[in-house]
Amino acid sequence: GNPLLSNFDTPDAYLQKQGHGALVDTPSGEWYYASLCGRPWRHDTEPSHGVRGWCTLGRETSIQKVEWDSQGWPRIVGGRAGTRYVEAPRDAIATVVPAEDRHHDDFLESSLDVRWNTPRVPLTPRMGSVGGGRLDLVGRGSLCNTHDLSLVARRWQAFD
C-alpha cells in the first residue's frame, strides 16, 4: 500500500522522516528507493518512542532495497520503514571512505575557506572580516535571529 516508505507508525525505527524519493534500477536489474531521511539524536534518558525531531545532521539520503510483489507492485524490503543496513547492489562500484577531515584554518586568506558556512549569504563587511591571521565578527543578533546574524560555522561531519 501507499506510501511506499513511511515512518508514521514506526517511531522506534533508526531512520525517520523518510520520503521524497525515487525508484532506481541498476544495470543488473535490482531495484532501490533513494530518499531523504533523518537520524534522530537519542539520549539514554529518553524513550525512543516519539523522539523524531532532533536530527543534528539535518536531512540525509538513504537507500532501501525494493522487490516487486506478485501483482507487480514495488515493496520495500523490511517493511514500510525499511532497514538500517542495505546490501550494496551486485554491480556496485567500490568506493573509498574519505579520510577524516581535520581542517585547521589560520585565516591568512582574505576570504573564508569553502569549509566555512554563513547563514544565507557570504560573509559581508557588516558581519565581519577575515585575513591576516584573524577572523573578526561584528556582534549582531542572537542565534534565534534569522535575518541579522553574524555567524561562521562548519557543518557537522559525522553522527557519532
Foldseek 3Di string as FASTA:
>chain_A
DPPQAACPPPLLAQKHPWDPWDWDADPVGWIKIKTKTAGFDDDPVDDSRPRGPHRQQPIDIDMFTWDADPVGHIHTPPHRNGHPDDDDDPPDDDDDDDDDDPDDDQQADFADDPQKDDQPDGDDVQQFTTHPRDTDGDQWDDPPDRPIHRDIDGRDDDDD
